[in-house]
Amino acid sequence: MNGLKTIYFTRKGFEKLRSRVQAIEKKVDDLGIEMGRAADLGDIWENSEYDCARFDRDQATSRLNELKHAMAVAHIVDANDISTEYIMFGVTVVLEDPKN
């Protein structure tokens, strides 16, 4: 994946990530609208509503970029594809005491 570090997800975890991305995308859009309304109030240099909306939008955009990166490097692990022949990622191991 172009030298980027892979992030492993279950199908359920990846779907939660996708839902979170969609929610933040909507929030960014809503904050853009809010910034427009605040800008309509007048001078944006002394407009605390505009500054607050811009700060919130920048924070949401930063988080959105992080989550989109995670989706770009995601690898979905399917439990049916994991070999139980060796101890590895996704395998449950039960240890038994041979003396008992």
N, C-alpha and C. Protein backbone atom coordinates (compact mmCIF):
# COMPACT_ATOMS: atom_id res chain seq x y z
N MET A 1 0.83 -1.21 0.00
CA MET A 1 0.00 0.00 0.00
C MET A 1 0.87 1.27 0.00
N ASN A 2 1.76 1.37 -0.92
CA ASN A 2 2.59 2.55 -1.11
C ASN A 2 3.43 2.89 0.11
N GLY A 3 3.88 1.90 0.85
CA GLY A 3 4.73 2.15 2.01
C GLY A 3 4.00 2.67 3.23
N LEU A 4 2.69 2.79 3.17
CA LEU A 4 1.93 3.26 4.32
C LEU A 4 1.64 2.09 5.24
N LYS A 5 1.60 2.36 6.52
CA LYS A 5 1.36 1.32 7.51
C LYS A 5 -0.10 0.86 7.46
N THR A 6 -0.29 -0.43 7.38
CA THR A 6 -1.63 -1.02 7.32
C THR A 6 -2.28 -0.96 8.70
N ILE A 7 -3.56 -0.65 8.72
CA ILE A 7 -4.36 -0.68 9.95
C ILE A 7 -5.40 -1.78 9.76
N TYR A 8 -5.45 -2.70 10.70
CA TYR A 8 -6.36 -3.85 10.59
C TYR A 8 -7.68 -3.56 11.29
N PHE A 9 -8.76 -3.95 10.61
CA PHE A 9 -10.11 -3.77 11.14
C PHE A 9 -10.92 -5.04 10.94
N THR A 10 -11.85 -5.25 11.84
CA THR A 10 -12.90 -6.24 11.57
C THR A 10 -13.88 -5.56 10.63
N ARG A 11 -14.76 -6.31 10.01
CA ARG A 11 -15.78 -5.72 9.14
C ARG A 11 -16.63 -4.72 9.94
N LYS A 12 -17.01 -5.14 11.16
CA LYS A 12 -17.83 -4.27 12.01
C LYS A 12 -17.09 -2.98 12.36
N GLY A 13 -15.83 -3.09 12.69
CA GLY A 13 -15.03 -1.91 13.03
C GLY A 13 -14.88 -0.97 11.86
N PHE A 14 -14.69 -1.53 10.66
CA PHE A 14 -14.56 -0.70 9.47
C PHE A 14 -15.86 0.01 9.16
N GLU A 15 -16.98 -0.66 9.35
CA GLU A 15 -18.29 -0.03 9.12
C GLU A 15 -18.53 1.11 10.10
N LYS A 16 -18.09 0.93 11.35
CA LYS A 16 -18.21 2.00 12.34
C LYS A 16 -17.36 3.20 11.90
N LEU A 17 -16.17 2.91 11.39
CA LEU A 17 -15.29 3.97 10.90
C LEU A 17 -15.95 4.71 9.74
N ARG A 18 -16.53 3.98 8.81
CA ARG A 18 -17.20 4.60 7.65
C ARG A 18 -18.35 5.49 8.13
N SER A 19 -19.13 5.01 9.09
CA SER A 19 -20.26 5.81 9.62
C SER A 19 -19.75 7.09 10.27
N ARG A 20 -18.64 6.97 11.00
CA ARG A 20 -18.05 8.14 11.67
C ARG A 20 -17.59 9.16 10.64
N VAL A 21 -16.97 8.69 9.56
CA VAL A 21 -16.52 9.59 8.49
C VAL A 21 -17.71 10.32 7.89
N GLN A 22 -18.79 9.60 7.61
CA GLN A 22 -19.98 10.23 7.03
C GLN A 22 -20.57 11.28 7.97
N ALA A 23 -20.58 10.99 9.27
CA ALA A 23 -21.12 11.94 10.25
C ALA A 23 -20.25 13.20 10.30
N ILE A 24 -18.96 13.04 10.27
CA ILE A 24 -18.07 14.21 10.33
C ILE A 24 -18.14 15.00 9.03
N GLU A 25 -18.29 14.32 7.89
CA GLU A 25 -18.46 15.05 6.62
C GLU A 25 -19.69 15.94 6.67
N LYS A 26 -20.78 15.43 7.23
CA LYS A 26 -22.00 16.24 7.37
C LYS A 26 -21.75 17.40 8.32
N LYS A 27 -21.02 17.14 9.41
CA LYS A 27 -20.72 18.20 10.38
C LYS A 27 -19.89 19.31 9.72
N VAL A 28 -18.90 18.93 8.92
CA VAL A 28 -18.07 19.92 8.23
C VAL A 28 -18.94 20.77 7.29
N ASP A 29 -19.85 20.13 6.57
CA ASP A 29 -20.76 20.87 5.69
C ASP A 29 -21.63 21.84 6.49
N ASP A 30 -22.18 21.35 7.61
CA ASP A 30 -23.03 22.20 8.45
C ASP A 30 -22.24 23.38 9.02
N LEU A 31 -21.00 23.13 9.40
CA LEU A 31 -20.18 24.21 9.94
C LEU A 31 -19.83 25.24 8.85
N GLY A 32 -19.70 24.80 7.62
CA GLY A 32 -19.49 25.73 6.52
C GLY A 32 -20.68 26.66 6.35
N ILE A 33 -21.88 26.10 6.48
CA ILE A 33 -23.10 26.90 6.41
C ILE A 33 -23.15 27.88 7.57
N GLU A 34 -22.77 27.40 8.75
CA GLU A 34 -22.76 28.26 9.94
C GLU A 34 -21.76 29.40 9.77
N MET A 35 -20.61 29.10 9.16
CA MET A 35 -19.62 30.15 8.90
C MET A 35 -20.20 31.21 7.96
N GLY A 36 -20.95 30.76 6.96
CA GLY A 36 -21.58 31.70 6.03
C GLY A 36 -22.56 32.62 6.73
N ARG A 37 -23.37 32.03 7.61
CA ARG A 37 -24.33 32.83 8.38
C ARG A 37 -23.62 33.84 9.27
N ALA A 38 -22.54 33.38 9.92
CA ALA A 38 -21.78 34.26 10.81
C ALA A 38 -21.11 35.38 10.01
N ALA A 39 -20.63 35.06 8.81
CA ALA A 39 -20.00 36.07 7.97
C ALA A 39 -21.01 37.13 7.55
N ASP A 40 -22.27 36.73 7.40
CA ASP A 40 -23.32 37.68 7.03
C ASP A 40 -23.61 38.69 8.14
N LEU A 41 -23.12 38.40 9.36
CA LEU A 41 -23.35 39.32 10.48
C LEU A 41 -22.48 40.57 10.39
N GLY A 42 -21.49 40.53 9.53
CA GLY A 42 -20.65 41.73 9.37
C GLY A 42 -19.17 41.38 9.31
N ASP A 43 -18.36 42.28 9.80
CA ASP A 43 -16.91 42.18 9.76
C ASP A 43 -16.42 40.88 10.40
N ILE A 44 -15.79 40.02 9.60
CA ILE A 44 -15.36 38.72 10.14
C ILE A 44 -14.11 38.84 11.03
N TRP A 45 -13.45 39.98 10.99
CA TRP A 45 -12.24 40.15 11.82
C TRP A 45 -12.59 40.25 13.30
N GLU A 46 -13.77 40.73 13.60
CA GLU A 46 -14.19 40.86 15.00
C GLU A 46 -15.49 40.10 15.24
N ASN A 47 -15.61 38.94 14.62
CA ASN A 47 -16.84 38.18 14.67
C ASN A 47 -16.56 36.85 15.39
N SER A 48 -16.92 36.78 16.64
CA SER A 48 -16.62 35.58 17.44
C SER A 48 -17.40 34.36 16.95
N GLU A 49 -18.61 34.57 16.43
CA GLU A 49 -19.38 33.45 15.90
C GLU A 49 -18.65 32.82 14.71
N TYR A 50 -18.10 33.67 13.85
CA TYR A 50 -17.36 33.18 12.69
C TYR A 50 -16.10 32.45 13.14
N ASP A 51 -15.36 33.05 14.08
CA ASP A 51 -14.13 32.43 14.58
C ASP A 51 -14.40 31.06 15.20
N CYS A 52 -15.48 30.98 15.97
CA CYS A 52 -15.83 29.71 16.63
C CYS A 52 -16.20 28.65 15.59
N ALA A 53 -17.01 29.03 14.61
CA ALA A 53 -17.41 28.09 13.57
C ALA A 53 -16.21 27.64 12.75
N ARG A 54 -15.31 28.56 12.45
CA ARG A 54 -14.10 28.22 11.69
C ARG A 54 -13.22 27.26 12.49
N PHE A 55 -13.05 27.53 13.79
CA PHE A 55 -12.25 26.66 14.64
C PHE A 55 -12.86 25.26 14.68
N ASP A 56 -14.18 25.19 14.88
CA ASP A 56 -14.85 23.89 14.93
C ASP A 56 -14.72 23.15 13.60
N ARG A 57 -14.87 23.88 12.48
CA ARG A 57 -14.73 23.26 11.17
C ARG A 57 -13.31 22.74 10.96
N ASP A 58 -12.30 23.52 11.36
CA ASP A 58 -10.91 23.09 11.21
C ASP A 58 -10.61 21.85 12.03
N GLN A 59 -11.17 21.79 13.24
CA GLN A 59 -10.98 20.62 14.09
C GLN A 59 -11.65 19.39 13.46
N ALA A 60 -12.86 19.56 12.98
CA ALA A 60 -13.59 18.45 12.36
C ALA A 60 -12.88 17.99 11.08
N THR A 61 -12.37 18.93 10.31
CA THR A 61 -11.66 18.58 9.07
C THR A 61 -10.39 17.81 9.38
N SER A 62 -9.69 18.21 10.42
CA SER A 62 -8.47 17.49 10.82
C SER A 62 -8.79 16.05 11.20
N ARG A 63 -9.83 15.87 12.00
CA ARG A 63 -10.24 14.52 12.41
C ARG A 63 -10.70 13.71 11.19
N LEU A 64 -11.43 14.35 10.30
CA LEU A 64 -11.90 13.69 9.09
C LEU A 64 -10.72 13.18 8.26
N ASN A 65 -9.69 13.99 8.13
CA ASN A 65 -8.50 13.57 7.38
C ASN A 65 -7.82 12.37 8.02
N GLU A 66 -7.76 12.35 9.35
CA GLU A 66 -7.17 11.21 10.07
C GLU A 66 -7.96 9.93 9.78
N LEU A 67 -9.29 10.03 9.86
CA LEU A 67 -10.12 8.85 9.65
C LEU A 67 -10.09 8.38 8.20
N LYS A 68 -10.03 9.32 7.26
CA LYS A 68 -9.93 8.94 5.85
C LYS A 68 -8.60 8.26 5.57
N HIS A 69 -7.55 8.71 6.25
CA HIS A 69 -6.25 8.03 6.10
C HIS A 69 -6.36 6.59 6.61
N ALA A 70 -7.01 6.41 7.75
CA ALA A 70 -7.19 5.06 8.30
C ALA A 70 -7.95 4.18 7.32
N MET A 71 -8.96 4.75 6.67
CA MET A 71 -9.72 3.97 5.68
C MET A 71 -8.85 3.62 4.47
N ALA A 72 -7.96 4.55 4.09
CA ALA A 72 -7.12 4.33 2.91
C ALA A 72 -6.11 3.21 3.13
N VAL A 73 -5.66 3.02 4.37
CA VAL A 73 -4.66 1.99 4.65
C VAL A 73 -5.27 0.79 5.36
N ALA A 74 -6.59 0.73 5.40
CA ALA A 74 -7.29 -0.34 6.12
C ALA A 74 -7.16 -1.69 5.42
N HIS A 75 -7.07 -2.70 6.24
CA HIS A 75 -7.16 -4.08 5.77
C HIS A 75 -8.20 -4.75 6.66
N ILE A 76 -9.26 -5.27 6.04
CA ILE A 76 -10.33 -5.91 6.81
C ILE A 76 -9.97 -7.36 7.02
N VAL A 77 -9.95 -7.77 8.28
CA VAL A 77 -9.61 -9.13 8.66
C VAL A 77 -10.89 -9.94 8.77
N ASP A 78 -10.94 -11.04 8.05
CA ASP A 78 -12.07 -11.95 8.10
C ASP A 78 -11.63 -13.17 8.91
N ALA A 79 -12.35 -13.47 9.97
CA ALA A 79 -11.98 -14.58 10.85
C ALA A 79 -11.89 -15.91 10.10
N ASN A 80 -12.65 -16.06 9.02
CA ASN A 80 -12.62 -17.30 8.25
C ASN A 80 -11.34 -17.47 7.44
N ASP A 81 -10.63 -16.37 7.23
CA ASP A 81 -9.41 -16.41 6.43
C ASP A 81 -8.15 -16.61 7.27
N ILE A 82 -8.29 -16.65 8.58
CA ILE A 82 -7.14 -16.75 9.46
C ILE A 82 -6.83 -18.21 9.75
N SER A 83 -5.59 -18.59 9.50
CA SER A 83 -5.15 -19.95 9.80
C SER A 83 -4.99 -20.10 11.31
N THR A 84 -5.45 -21.22 11.82
CA THR A 84 -5.27 -21.50 13.26
C THR A 84 -4.08 -22.44 13.48
N GLU A 85 -3.31 -22.63 12.44
CA GLU A 85 -2.15 -23.51 12.51
C GLU A 85 -1.02 -22.87 13.33
N TYR A 86 -0.97 -21.55 13.33
CA TYR A 86 0.07 -20.81 14.04
C TYR A 86 -0.57 -19.73 14.90
N ILE A 87 0.15 -19.30 15.91
CA ILE A 87 -0.30 -18.17 16.73
C ILE A 87 0.00 -16.91 15.94
N MET A 88 -1.02 -16.13 15.68
CA MET A 88 -0.88 -14.89 14.92
C MET A 88 -2.03 -13.97 15.24
N PHE A 89 -2.02 -12.83 14.63
CA PHE A 89 -3.06 -11.82 14.80
C PHE A 89 -4.44 -12.44 14.54
N GLY A 90 -5.37 -12.25 15.47
CA GLY A 90 -6.73 -12.70 15.28
C GLY A 90 -7.02 -14.12 15.75
N VAL A 91 -6.01 -14.82 16.24
CA VAL A 91 -6.19 -16.20 16.68
C VAL A 91 -6.31 -16.21 18.20
N THR A 92 -7.30 -16.92 18.71
CA THR A 92 -7.47 -17.09 20.14
C THR A 92 -6.74 -18.35 20.56
N VAL A 93 -5.94 -18.22 21.61
CA VAL A 93 -5.13 -19.34 22.08
C VAL A 93 -5.57 -19.70 23.49
N VAL A 94 -5.76 -20.99 23.74
CA VAL A 94 -6.11 -21.49 25.07
C VAL A 94 -4.93 -22.32 25.55
N LEU A 95 -4.35 -21.93 26.66
CA LEU A 95 -3.24 -22.67 27.23
C LEU A 95 -3.73 -23.65 28.26
N GLU A 96 -3.18 -24.84 28.26
CA GLU A 96 -3.54 -25.84 29.24
C GLU A 96 -2.28 -26.28 29.98
N ASP A 97 -2.45 -26.54 31.25
CA ASP A 97 -1.34 -27.02 32.07
C ASP A 97 -1.25 -28.53 31.89
N PRO A 98 -0.14 -29.05 31.34
CA PRO A 98 -0.05 -30.49 31.09
C PRO A 98 -0.05 -31.33 32.37
N LYS A 99 0.17 -30.71 33.52
CA LYS A 99 0.19 -31.44 34.79
C LYS A 99 -1.21 -31.68 35.33
N ASN A 100 -2.19 -31.05 34.81
CA ASN A 100 -3.57 -31.20 35.30
C ASN A 100 -4.38 -32.08 34.40
